[in-house]
Amino acid sequence: MSIDNLLFVIRTLLHHSELPGGVYNLADDDSLSTNEVIKIIAETKGKKPRIWRIPSPVIQWVARLGGKFKLPLDPERLKKLTENYVVDNTKIKRVLNIRSLPVSATEGLRNTLESFSRN
């Protein structure tokens, strides 16, 4: 979640006197794939993204070898790397009575990366 969206949610919550109890997921409205993140990072740095296209069976074979030889990439770690980590923020948006957060995931990531290069 971008810092701009997090601050927006916090400010909006501070103005709500009654908030129903429960668990609220905080996330940007849209999700980015790993390839999209790599492309945004490269574009922000003014470079061409380098994304390798490796067939899934090859990666799975390497992970099985990693499991046998105690290498950093094993089947369990591969599963964690390839799981879906998308979070649904519908509940918090309903409570705040908003349709969408002010900053897109792409814009938030670009803003973060640009702030790193300024500092």
C-alpha atoms as a PDB file:
ATOM      1  CA  MET A   1       0.000   0.000   0.000  1.00  0.00           C
ATOM      2  CA  SER A   2       1.336   3.406  -0.907  1.00  0.00           C
ATOM      3  CA  ILE A   3       2.062   5.838   1.904  1.00  0.00           C
ATOM      4  CA  ASP A   4      -0.323   8.350   0.310  1.00  0.00           C
ATOM      5  CA  ASN A   5      -3.207   5.873   0.478  1.00  0.00           C
ATOM      6  CA  LEU A   6      -2.298   4.834   4.023  1.00  0.00           C
ATOM      7  CA  LEU A   7      -2.321   8.472   5.163  1.00  0.00           C
ATOM      8  CA  PHE A   8      -5.637   9.010   3.372  1.00  0.00           C
ATOM      9  CA  VAL A   9      -7.211   6.059   5.222  1.00  0.00           C
ATOM     10  CA  ILE A  10      -5.829   7.209   8.593  1.00  0.00           C
ATOM     11  CA  ARG A  11      -7.045  10.788   8.095  1.00  0.00           C
ATOM     12  CA  THR A  12     -10.472   9.574   7.003  1.00  0.00           C
ATOM     13  CA  LEU A  13     -10.730   7.204   9.965  1.00  0.00           C
ATOM     14  CA  LEU A  14      -9.874  10.029  12.362  1.00  0.00           C
ATOM     15  CA  HIS A  15     -12.961  11.895  11.114  1.00  0.00           C
ATOM     16  CA  HIS A  16     -15.256   8.883  11.630  1.00  0.00           C
ATOM     17  CA  SER A  17     -16.648   8.798  15.152  1.00  0.00           C
ATOM     18  CA  GLU A  18     -18.148   5.312  14.808  1.00  0.00           C
ATOM     19  CA  LEU A  19     -16.232   2.509  13.154  1.00  0.00           C
ATOM     20  CA  PRO A  20     -17.696  -0.989  13.161  1.00  0.00           C
ATOM     21  CA  GLY A  21     -15.391  -3.511  14.825  1.00  0.00           C
ATOM     22  CA  GLY A  22     -13.594  -6.136  12.840  1.00  0.00           C
ATOM     23  CA  VAL A  23     -10.529  -6.765  10.769  1.00  0.00           C
ATOM     24  CA  TYR A  24      -9.825  -4.383   7.904  1.00  0.00           C
ATOM     25  CA  ASN A  25      -7.360  -5.106   5.132  1.00  0.00           C
ATOM     26  CA  LEU A  26      -5.445  -2.082   3.891  1.00  0.00           C
ATOM     27  CA  ALA A  27      -4.209  -2.316   0.329  1.00  0.00           C
ATOM     28  CA  ASP A  28      -4.105  -0.357  -2.892  1.00  0.00           C
ATOM     29  CA  ASP A  29      -7.116  -0.874  -5.161  1.00  0.00           C
ATOM     30  CA  ASP A  30      -5.171  -2.686  -7.842  1.00  0.00           C
ATOM     31  CA  SER A  31      -2.444  -5.281  -7.547  1.00  0.00           C
ATOM     32  CA  LEU A  32       0.801  -5.459  -9.483  1.00  0.00           C
ATOM     33  CA  SER A  33       2.491  -8.574 -10.794  1.00  0.00           C
ATOM     34  CA  THR A  34       6.200  -9.087 -10.213  1.00  0.00           C
ATOM     35  CA  ASN A  35       6.867  -8.315 -13.892  1.00  0.00           C
ATOM     36  CA  GLU A  36       4.903  -5.052 -13.609  1.00  0.00           C
ATOM     37  CA  VAL A  37       6.923  -4.056 -10.521  1.00  0.00           C
ATOM     38  CA  ILE A  38      10.192  -4.791 -12.353  1.00  0.00           C
ATOM     39  CA  LYS A  39       9.057  -2.689 -15.331  1.00  0.00           C
ATOM     40  CA  ILE A  40       8.076   0.243 -13.112  1.00  0.00           C
ATOM     41  CA  ILE A  41      11.393   0.108 -11.260  1.00  0.00           C
ATOM     42  CA  ALA A  42      13.314   0.057 -14.544  1.00  0.00           C
ATOM     43  CA  GLU A  43      11.257   2.899 -16.051  1.00  0.00           C
ATOM     44  CA  THR A  44      11.745   5.035 -12.940  1.00  0.00           C
ATOM     45  CA  LYS A  45      15.505   4.529 -13.178  1.00  0.00           C
ATOM     46  CA  GLY A  46      15.452   5.247 -16.929  1.00  0.00           C
ATOM     47  CA  LYS A  47      16.561   1.726 -17.802  1.00  0.00           C
ATOM     48  CA  LYS A  48      15.187  -1.074 -19.926  1.00  0.00           C
ATOM     49  CA  PRO A  49      13.548  -3.846 -17.847  1.00  0.00           C
ATOM     50  CA  ARG A  50      15.328  -7.199 -17.994  1.00  0.00           C
ATOM     51  CA  ILE A  51      12.841  -9.984 -17.503  1.00  0.00           C
ATOM     52  CA  TRP A  52      13.919 -13.535 -18.169  1.00  0.00           C
ATOM     53  CA  ARG A  53      11.341 -15.914 -19.595  1.00  0.00           C
ATOM     54  CA  ILE A  54      12.115 -19.267 -17.968  1.00  0.00           C
ATOM     55  CA  PRO A  55       9.645 -22.103 -18.537  1.00  0.00           C
ATOM     56  CA  SER A  56       7.798 -23.199 -15.399  1.00  0.00           C
ATOM     57  CA  PRO A  57       8.942 -26.856 -15.656  1.00  0.00           C
ATOM     58  CA  VAL A  58      12.587 -25.724 -15.599  1.00  0.00           C
ATOM     59  CA  ILE A  59      12.044 -23.669 -12.440  1.00  0.00           C
ATOM     60  CA  GLN A  60      10.192 -26.552 -10.778  1.00  0.00           C
ATOM     61  CA  TRP A  61      13.036 -28.946 -11.694  1.00  0.00           C
ATOM     62  CA  VAL A  62      15.612 -26.548 -10.201  1.00  0.00           C
ATOM     63  CA  ALA A  63      13.497 -26.250  -7.032  1.00  0.00           C
ATOM     64  CA  ARG A  64      13.337 -30.063  -6.703  1.00  0.00           C
ATOM     65  CA  LEU A  65      17.133 -30.191  -7.026  1.00  0.00           C
ATOM     66  CA  GLY A  66      17.341 -27.463  -4.395  1.00  0.00           C
ATOM     67  CA  GLY A  67      15.242 -29.594  -2.071  1.00  0.00           C
ATOM     68  CA  LYS A  68      17.546 -32.587  -2.506  1.00  0.00           C
ATOM     69  CA  PHE A  69      20.787 -30.619  -2.118  1.00  0.00           C
ATOM     70  CA  LYS A  70      19.614 -28.077   0.494  1.00  0.00           C
ATOM     71  CA  LEU A  71      19.925 -25.102  -1.877  1.00  0.00           C
ATOM     72  CA  PRO A  72      18.182 -21.730  -1.325  1.00  0.00           C
ATOM     73  CA  LEU A  73      15.446 -22.511  -3.874  1.00  0.00           C
ATOM     74  CA  ASP A  74      13.449 -25.572  -2.850  1.00  0.00           C
ATOM     75  CA  PRO A  75       9.811 -26.545  -3.551  1.00  0.00           C
ATOM     76  CA  GLU A  76       8.475 -24.885  -0.396  1.00  0.00           C
ATOM     77  CA  ARG A  77      10.265 -21.594  -1.068  1.00  0.00           C
ATOM     78  CA  LEU A  78       9.129 -21.703  -4.708  1.00  0.00           C
ATOM     79  CA  LYS A  79       5.532 -22.098  -3.529  1.00  0.00           C
ATOM     80  CA  LYS A  80       5.889 -19.049  -1.267  1.00  0.00           C
ATOM     81  CA  LEU A  81       7.410 -17.030  -4.117  1.00  0.00           C
ATOM     82  CA  THR A  82       4.599 -17.893  -6.529  1.00  0.00           C
ATOM     83  CA  GLU A  83       1.565 -17.618  -4.229  1.00  0.00           C
ATOM     84  CA  ASN A  84      -1.035 -14.915  -4.728  1.00  0.00           C
ATOM     85  CA  TYR A  85      -0.741 -12.161  -2.117  1.00  0.00           C
ATOM     86  CA  VAL A  86      -3.645 -10.006  -3.266  1.00  0.00           C
ATOM     87  CA  VAL A  87      -5.605  -8.395  -0.416  1.00  0.00           C
ATOM     88  CA  ASP A  88      -9.231  -7.265  -0.712  1.00  0.00           C
ATOM     89  CA  ASN A  89      -9.816  -3.741   0.623  1.00  0.00           C
ATOM     90  CA  THR A  90     -13.569  -3.652  -0.098  1.00  0.00           C
ATOM     91  CA  LYS A  91     -14.594  -3.667   3.574  1.00  0.00           C
ATOM     92  CA  ILE A  92     -12.586  -0.577   4.571  1.00  0.00           C
ATOM     93  CA  LYS A  93     -13.739   1.313   1.455  1.00  0.00           C
ATOM     94  CA  ARG A  94     -17.367   0.468   2.277  1.00  0.00           C
ATOM     95  CA  VAL A  95     -16.954   1.759   5.838  1.00  0.00           C
ATOM     96  CA  LEU A  96     -15.245   4.940   4.597  1.00  0.00           C
ATOM     97  CA  ASN A  97     -17.923   5.311   1.889  1.00  0.00           C
ATOM     98  CA  ILE A  98     -15.414   5.666  -0.947  1.00  0.00           C
ATOM     99  CA  ARG A  99     -15.199   3.992  -4.334  1.00  0.00           C
ATOM    100  CA  SER A 100     -11.448   4.045  -4.711  1.00  0.00           C
ATOM    101  CA  LEU A 101      -8.299   5.230  -3.002  1.00  0.00           C
ATOM    102  CA  PRO A 102      -6.734   8.434  -4.338  1.00  0.00           C
ATOM    103  CA  VAL A 103      -3.456   6.928  -5.600  1.00  0.00           C
ATOM    104  CA  SER A 104      -3.077   3.914  -7.919  1.00  0.00           C
ATOM    105  CA  ALA A 105      -0.618   1.163  -7.027  1.00  0.00           C
ATOM    106  CA  THR A 106       1.545   2.101 -10.023  1.00  0.00           C
ATOM    107  CA  GLU A 107       1.611   5.791  -9.115  1.00  0.00           C
ATOM    108  CA  GLY A 108       2.338   4.979  -5.456  1.00  0.00           C
ATOM    109  CA  LEU A 109       5.272   2.737  -6.387  1.00  0.00           C
ATOM    110  CA  ARG A 110       6.660   5.381  -8.752  1.00  0.00           C
ATOM    111  CA  ASN A 111       6.365   8.060  -6.051  1.00  0.00           C
ATOM    112  CA  THR A 112       8.205   5.810  -3.582  1.00  0.00           C
ATOM    113  CA  LEU A 113      10.996   5.015  -6.028  1.00  0.00           C
ATOM    114  CA  GLU A 114      11.411   8.663  -6.974  1.00  0.00           C
ATOM    115  CA  SER A 115      11.628   9.633  -3.299  1.00  0.00           C
ATOM    116  CA  PHE A 116      14.441   7.097  -2.853  1.00  0.00           C
ATOM    117  CA  SER A 117      16.420   8.609  -5.719  1.00  0.00           C
ATOM    118  CA  ARG A 118      15.947  12.149  -4.343  1.00  0.00           C
ATOM    119  CA  ASN A 119      17.357  11.164  -0.969  1.00  0.00           C
END
